[in-house]
Amino acid sequence: MSIHFTFETFIICLETLLILTFNVLMLFVVGWTDAFKNINKYFFTSVVFSDLLIGLVITPFAIFSSLYGKWVYKDETFCNTQAYLAAMCWIVSLYSMMWINVDHYFAIRKPERHETLMSPVRSACWVALVWVAALSFCGPPLFALNERTYFVKATFLCVFASQSNTAYFVTSGLLITLPAVLTLVATNAYLFTKAYNKTKLVCEKVLVDKAMRPQNYRVNALNSLIFVVTWIPWCSVQIHQHVFPTPNLSPVMQRLHFYTLWVAIGNAWYKFIVYMIFSREFMIGLRRFFCQVLCRCACKCRLPCRQGPPPPVPV
């Protein structure tokens, strides 16, 4: 088998590197520092972990398939598992972003009840329910006796054979995605109301501990919008392919399949860029993390650790 390093291979390698690097950094920021005080860490960790899982068990194997131009793994079970994990991670990411939005909504709309409505125990239960729902969605096609998945040469990934399970995928797909999308629309629409502007001023001037809530609310709204918008082109291509099936795709359609899917997969690392640009709280946490790492390295190398300015001398 001959190896061909194409531009598509470069795209897959770059996306895999960005997914792994950015999500590991986000996990360190949320776990190592106390910067994210105004974000529900249960839902945020669920999003980051599902994105990291894509870079660990899905995109790396597409690199080898792109090098050889075909499915290089002989075991059919592996193809089924890859498609299963991919769908599960994307569902978890969508629902976790939805719950982050709901958490922000209650924190700003009903701050006096937020601690009760979104307590740590309830948040952990919602995260568990999200993962169980994602597992349940992918379970029936994974263990079906008929043709379950197939390798798409244009995208170098395995997907579910929706043609043989059309009724299931249409019904369950709507039941899974519609509640999350409608909730995102409803909670994001609140950002454009007069009530939000009033409560935003209260958070920024009175509730000092929730001062960063409005900003993080807008950041997650932007992330959810990017998630939905970037998946629309690939879904449209799949609907077109299902309505007008063509066994042999033209080179143009192959590239269209590839780029629309891998633009959507980029949602696994887009969030880091959005938080880095628009979230002051995240930037503070990222700086604290790097400062702690550099200080530890300096101590091991017996170098002076850079400290902040000395406290003012009392008069």
Protein backbone atom coordinates (compact mmCIF):
# COMPACT_ATOMS: atom_id res chain seq x y z
CA MET A 1 0.00 0.00 0.00
CA SER A 2 1.37 3.38 -1.02
CA ILE A 3 1.22 6.39 1.29
CA HIS A 4 0.07 9.79 0.00
CA PHE A 5 0.28 12.84 2.25
CA THR A 6 -2.42 15.09 0.83
CA PHE A 7 -3.83 18.45 1.86
CA GLU A 8 -6.75 16.60 3.44
CA THR A 9 -4.26 14.70 5.61
CA PHE A 10 -2.73 18.00 6.69
CA ILE A 11 -6.17 19.34 7.64
CA ILE A 12 -6.93 16.23 9.73
CA CYS A 13 -3.53 16.35 11.47
CA LEU A 14 -3.94 20.06 12.23
CA GLU A 15 -7.45 19.64 13.60
CA THR A 16 -6.37 16.70 15.77
CA LEU A 17 -3.48 18.72 17.21
CA LEU A 18 -5.70 21.73 17.90
CA ILE A 19 -8.42 19.61 19.52
CA LEU A 20 -5.98 17.87 21.86
CA THR A 21 -3.97 20.98 22.77
CA PHE A 22 -6.82 23.42 23.29
CA ASN A 23 -9.08 21.06 25.24
CA VAL A 24 -6.27 19.94 27.55
CA LEU A 25 -5.54 23.62 28.26
CA MET A 26 -9.24 24.25 28.98
CA LEU A 27 -9.32 21.29 31.39
CA PHE A 28 -6.27 22.65 33.19
CA VAL A 29 -7.82 26.13 33.44
CA VAL A 30 -11.10 24.84 34.88
CA GLY A 31 -9.45 22.27 37.16
CA TRP A 32 -6.19 23.95 38.20
CA THR A 33 -7.33 27.55 38.70
CA ASP A 34 -10.30 29.24 40.32
CA ALA A 35 -10.89 31.63 37.41
CA PHE A 36 -14.19 30.13 36.26
CA LYS A 37 -16.36 31.17 39.18
CA ASN A 38 -19.30 32.17 36.98
CA ILE A 39 -19.53 29.03 34.86
CA ASN A 40 -21.03 25.74 35.93
CA LYS A 41 -17.93 23.54 35.95
CA TYR A 42 -19.92 20.31 35.65
CA PHE A 43 -21.44 21.27 32.30
CA PHE A 44 -18.27 22.99 31.10
CA THR A 45 -16.14 19.92 31.87
CA SER A 46 -18.67 17.73 30.06
CA VAL A 47 -18.33 19.86 26.91
CA VAL A 48 -14.54 19.88 27.05
CA PHE A 49 -14.24 16.16 27.76
CA SER A 50 -16.56 15.22 24.87
CA ASP A 51 -14.51 17.45 22.54
CA LEU A 52 -11.27 15.96 23.83
CA LEU A 53 -12.64 12.46 23.21
CA ILE A 54 -13.07 13.36 19.53
CA GLY A 55 -9.37 14.19 19.30
CA LEU A 56 -8.38 11.03 21.14
CA VAL A 57 -10.44 8.23 19.57
CA ILE A 58 -11.89 9.59 16.31
CA THR A 59 -9.74 12.03 14.32
CA PRO A 60 -6.34 10.30 14.88
CA PHE A 61 -7.52 7.16 13.06
CA ALA A 62 -8.76 9.27 10.15
CA ILE A 63 -5.14 10.32 9.61
CA PHE A 64 -4.10 6.78 8.65
CA SER A 65 -7.15 6.34 6.42
CA SER A 66 -6.31 9.58 4.58
CA LEU A 67 -2.69 8.49 4.10
CA TYR A 68 -3.72 5.25 2.40
CA GLY A 69 -6.94 6.56 0.86
CA LYS A 70 -9.05 3.73 2.28
CA TRP A 71 -10.17 2.03 5.49
CA VAL A 72 -6.99 0.37 6.75
CA TYR A 73 -8.50 -1.38 9.78
CA LYS A 74 -9.83 -4.82 8.95
CA ASP A 75 -12.05 -5.19 12.01
CA GLU A 76 -15.63 -4.09 11.21
CA THR A 77 -16.36 -3.61 14.91
CA PHE A 78 -13.85 -0.77 15.00
CA CYS A 79 -15.75 1.10 12.28
CA ASN A 80 -18.98 0.66 14.24
CA THR A 81 -17.33 1.91 17.43
CA GLN A 82 -15.85 4.97 15.72
CA ALA A 83 -19.22 6.04 14.29
CA TYR A 84 -20.87 5.32 17.64
CA LEU A 85 -18.39 7.43 19.64
CA ALA A 86 -18.49 10.30 17.14
CA ALA A 87 -22.28 10.61 17.32
CA MET A 88 -22.22 10.27 21.11
CA CYS A 89 -19.62 13.03 21.54
CA TRP A 90 -21.48 15.47 19.30
CA ILE A 91 -24.77 14.88 21.13
CA VAL A 92 -23.07 15.34 24.52
CA SER A 93 -21.39 18.55 23.35
CA LEU A 94 -24.69 19.99 22.10
CA TYR A 95 -26.60 19.17 25.29
CA SER A 96 -23.80 20.31 27.59
CA MET A 97 -23.74 23.71 25.87
CA MET A 98 -27.50 23.82 26.27
CA TRP A 99 -27.19 23.25 30.02
CA ILE A 100 -24.49 25.92 30.31
CA ASN A 101 -26.94 28.33 28.73
CA VAL A 102 -29.73 27.22 31.07
CA ASP A 103 -27.40 27.70 34.04
CA HIS A 104 -26.55 31.24 32.92
CA TYR A 105 -30.24 31.95 32.30
CA PHE A 106 -31.26 31.00 35.84
CA ALA A 107 -28.23 32.75 37.37
CA ILE A 108 -29.23 36.06 35.76
CA ARG A 109 -33.02 35.72 35.58
CA LYS A 110 -33.54 34.16 39.04
CA PRO A 111 -30.34 34.70 41.05
CA GLU A 112 -32.10 34.02 44.38
CA ARG A 113 -33.08 30.50 43.24
CA HIS A 114 -30.04 29.65 41.15
CA GLU A 115 -28.14 27.85 43.91
CA THR A 116 -31.13 25.58 44.47
CA LEU A 117 -32.07 24.99 40.83
CA MET A 118 -28.48 24.33 39.72
CA SER A 119 -26.93 22.78 42.82
CA PRO A 120 -23.82 20.57 42.37
CA VAL A 121 -25.85 17.39 42.87
CA ARG A 122 -28.48 18.38 40.31
CA SER A 123 -25.81 19.49 37.84
CA ALA A 124 -24.00 16.16 38.17
CA CYS A 125 -27.29 14.33 37.62
CA TRP A 126 -28.03 16.35 34.48
CA VAL A 127 -24.55 15.60 33.12
CA ALA A 128 -25.06 11.88 33.78
CA LEU A 129 -28.46 12.04 32.04
CA VAL A 130 -26.89 13.72 28.99
CA TRP A 131 -24.29 10.97 28.61
CA VAL A 132 -26.90 8.22 29.13
CA ALA A 133 -29.17 9.82 26.51
CA ALA A 134 -26.30 9.96 24.02
CA LEU A 135 -25.45 6.32 24.71
CA SER A 136 -29.09 5.32 24.25
CA PHE A 137 -29.39 7.14 20.93
CA CYS A 138 -26.44 5.30 19.40
CA GLY A 139 -27.13 1.91 21.00
CA PRO A 140 -29.82 0.46 18.66
CA PRO A 141 -27.92 1.00 15.37
CA LEU A 142 -24.66 -0.16 16.97
CA PHE A 143 -26.08 -3.54 18.00
CA ALA A 144 -28.40 -4.00 15.02
CA LEU A 145 -28.02 -7.17 12.96
CA ASN A 146 -28.19 -5.48 9.57
CA GLU A 147 -25.65 -3.14 7.97
CA ARG A 148 -24.84 -0.61 10.67
CA THR A 149 -21.98 1.61 9.54
CA TYR A 150 -19.85 2.16 6.49
CA PHE A 151 -16.61 3.97 5.69
CA VAL A 152 -16.94 7.23 3.73
CA LYS A 153 -13.84 7.61 1.61
CA ALA A 154 -14.56 11.30 1.00
CA THR A 155 -14.36 12.14 4.72
CA PHE A 156 -12.12 9.26 5.94
CA LEU A 157 -14.55 8.49 8.77
CA CYS A 158 -17.17 5.85 9.48
CA VAL A 159 -20.81 6.93 9.74
CA PHE A 160 -24.09 5.19 10.50
CA ALA A 161 -25.90 3.62 7.55
CA SER A 162 -28.92 5.92 7.71
CA GLN A 163 -30.32 4.56 4.43
CA SER A 164 -31.15 1.23 6.10
CA ASN A 165 -32.48 2.89 9.27
CA THR A 166 -34.17 5.99 7.88
CA ALA A 167 -37.25 5.90 10.12
CA TYR A 168 -35.17 5.42 13.26
CA PHE A 169 -32.70 8.20 12.47
CA VAL A 170 -35.35 10.72 11.45
CA THR A 171 -37.49 10.07 14.54
CA SER A 172 -34.76 9.74 17.13
CA GLY A 173 -32.69 12.51 15.52
CA LEU A 174 -35.55 14.96 15.87
CA LEU A 175 -36.28 13.82 19.42
CA ILE A 176 -32.62 14.23 20.37
CA THR A 177 -31.67 17.47 18.60
CA LEU A 178 -34.89 19.53 18.64
CA PRO A 179 -35.16 19.96 22.45
CA ALA A 180 -31.54 21.11 22.68
CA VAL A 181 -31.79 23.48 19.71
CA LEU A 182 -35.11 24.98 20.86
CA THR A 183 -33.73 25.49 24.38
CA LEU A 184 -30.65 27.22 22.96
CA VAL A 185 -32.88 29.49 20.86
CA ALA A 186 -35.09 30.36 23.84
CA THR A 187 -32.23 31.03 26.28
CA ASN A 188 -30.22 33.00 23.71
CA ALA A 189 -33.26 35.07 22.77
CA TYR A 190 -33.35 36.30 26.38
CA LEU A 191 -30.08 38.15 25.70
CA PHE A 192 -31.98 40.59 23.45
CA THR A 193 -34.72 41.50 25.93
CA LYS A 194 -35.04 44.56 28.17
CA ALA A 195 -35.25 42.31 31.22
CA TYR A 196 -31.77 41.00 30.45
CA ASN A 197 -30.33 44.51 30.21
CA LYS A 198 -31.76 45.37 33.62
CA THR A 199 -30.50 42.20 35.32
CA LYS A 200 -27.14 42.64 33.59
CA LEU A 201 -26.68 46.01 35.30
CA VAL A 202 -27.65 44.45 38.63
CA CYS A 203 -25.05 41.69 38.19
CA GLU A 204 -22.31 44.12 37.22
CA LYS A 205 -22.99 46.76 39.91
CA VAL A 206 -24.69 44.98 42.81
CA LEU A 207 -23.97 41.25 42.62
CA VAL A 208 -20.20 41.54 42.39
CA ASP A 209 -19.68 37.77 42.63
CA LYS A 210 -21.79 37.36 39.45
CA ALA A 211 -20.24 40.26 37.54
CA MET A 212 -18.81 38.00 34.81
CA ARG A 213 -22.05 36.06 34.29
CA PRO A 214 -23.42 38.26 31.45
CA GLN A 215 -20.15 38.09 29.54
CA ASN A 216 -19.87 34.30 29.88
CA TYR A 217 -23.54 34.00 28.90
CA ARG A 218 -22.84 35.83 25.64
CA VAL A 219 -19.72 33.74 24.99
CA ASN A 220 -21.62 30.47 25.33
CA ALA A 221 -24.40 31.86 23.14
CA LEU A 222 -21.78 32.56 20.47
CA ASN A 223 -20.35 29.04 20.84
CA SER A 224 -23.79 27.46 20.48
CA LEU A 225 -24.53 29.60 17.41
CA ILE A 226 -21.25 28.55 15.80
CA PHE A 227 -22.01 24.90 16.63
CA VAL A 228 -25.42 24.96 14.94
CA VAL A 229 -24.34 27.03 11.92
CA THR A 230 -21.27 24.92 11.13
CA TRP A 231 -23.29 21.69 11.20
CA ILE A 232 -25.96 22.97 8.78
CA PRO A 233 -23.83 22.63 5.57
CA TRP A 234 -22.88 19.00 6.28
CA CYS A 235 -26.46 18.09 7.21
CA SER A 236 -27.67 19.71 3.99
CA VAL A 237 -25.15 17.70 1.96
CA GLN A 238 -26.28 14.49 3.67
CA ILE A 239 -29.95 15.24 2.97
CA HIS A 240 -29.12 15.93 -0.68
CA GLN A 241 -27.17 12.67 -0.89
CA HIS A 242 -30.06 10.78 0.69
CA VAL A 243 -32.68 12.26 -1.67
CA PHE A 244 -30.48 12.01 -4.77
CA PRO A 245 -28.18 9.05 -4.08
CA THR A 246 -25.10 8.69 -6.30
CA PRO A 247 -22.86 5.63 -5.86
CA ASN A 248 -19.78 7.38 -7.27
CA LEU A 249 -19.25 10.91 -6.04
CA SER A 250 -17.58 13.42 -8.33
CA PRO A 251 -14.31 15.04 -7.13
CA VAL A 252 -16.21 18.24 -6.35
CA MET A 253 -18.78 16.42 -4.23
CA GLN A 254 -16.05 14.47 -2.45
CA ARG A 255 -14.32 17.72 -1.46
CA LEU A 256 -17.68 19.17 -0.42
CA HIS A 257 -18.35 16.18 1.82
CA PHE A 258 -14.87 16.43 3.35
CA TYR A 259 -14.75 20.15 4.07
CA THR A 260 -18.30 20.48 5.36
CA LEU A 261 -17.76 17.62 7.83
CA TRP A 262 -14.34 18.72 9.04
CA VAL A 263 -15.50 22.32 9.44
CA ALA A 264 -18.22 20.94 11.73
CA ILE A 265 -15.69 18.76 13.59
CA GLY A 266 -13.74 21.96 14.24
CA ASN A 267 -16.34 22.78 16.90
CA ALA A 268 -14.18 20.65 19.15
CA TRP A 269 -11.56 23.43 19.19
CA TYR A 270 -13.43 26.59 18.13
CA LYS A 271 -14.61 27.10 21.70
CA PHE A 272 -11.08 27.74 22.94
CA ILE A 273 -10.62 30.57 20.42
CA VAL A 274 -13.98 32.12 21.32
CA TYR A 275 -13.25 32.00 25.06
CA MET A 276 -9.74 33.37 24.54
CA ILE A 277 -11.04 36.35 22.54
CA PHE A 278 -14.25 37.19 24.40
CA SER A 279 -13.93 35.81 27.95
CA ARG A 280 -11.81 37.90 30.30
CA GLU A 281 -12.35 35.32 33.02
CA PHE A 282 -10.88 32.57 30.84
CA MET A 283 -7.87 34.70 29.91
CA ILE A 284 -7.18 35.36 33.60
CA GLY A 285 -7.34 31.63 34.30
CA LEU A 286 -5.06 30.83 31.35
CA ARG A 287 -2.48 33.35 32.54
CA ARG A 288 -2.65 31.98 36.07
CA PHE A 289 -2.11 28.44 34.78
CA PHE A 290 0.94 29.38 32.73
CA CYS A 291 2.34 31.45 35.61
CA GLN A 292 1.99 28.49 37.98
CA VAL A 293 3.65 26.14 35.47
CA LEU A 294 6.51 28.58 34.82
CA CYS A 295 7.02 29.16 38.53
CA ARG A 296 7.23 25.42 39.20
CA CYS A 297 9.70 24.98 36.34
CA ALA A 298 11.75 27.89 37.67
CA CYS A 299 11.82 26.38 41.16
CA LYS A 300 12.99 23.03 39.79
CA CYS A 301 15.75 24.76 37.83
CA ARG A 302 16.62 26.91 40.89
CA LEU A 303 15.77 30.09 39.05
CA PRO A 304 14.06 33.09 40.65
CA CYS A 305 10.29 32.92 40.20
CA ARG A 306 8.84 36.16 38.89
CA GLN A 307 6.57 37.72 41.48
CA GLY A 308 4.10 40.53 41.25
CA PRO A 309 4.80 44.08 42.46
CA PRO A 310 5.54 44.44 46.18
CA PRO A 311 2.67 45.60 48.39
CA PRO A 312 2.59 49.32 49.14
CA VAL A 313 4.27 50.41 52.35
CA PRO A 314 1.71 51.77 54.83
CA VAL A 315 2.21 55.41 55.72
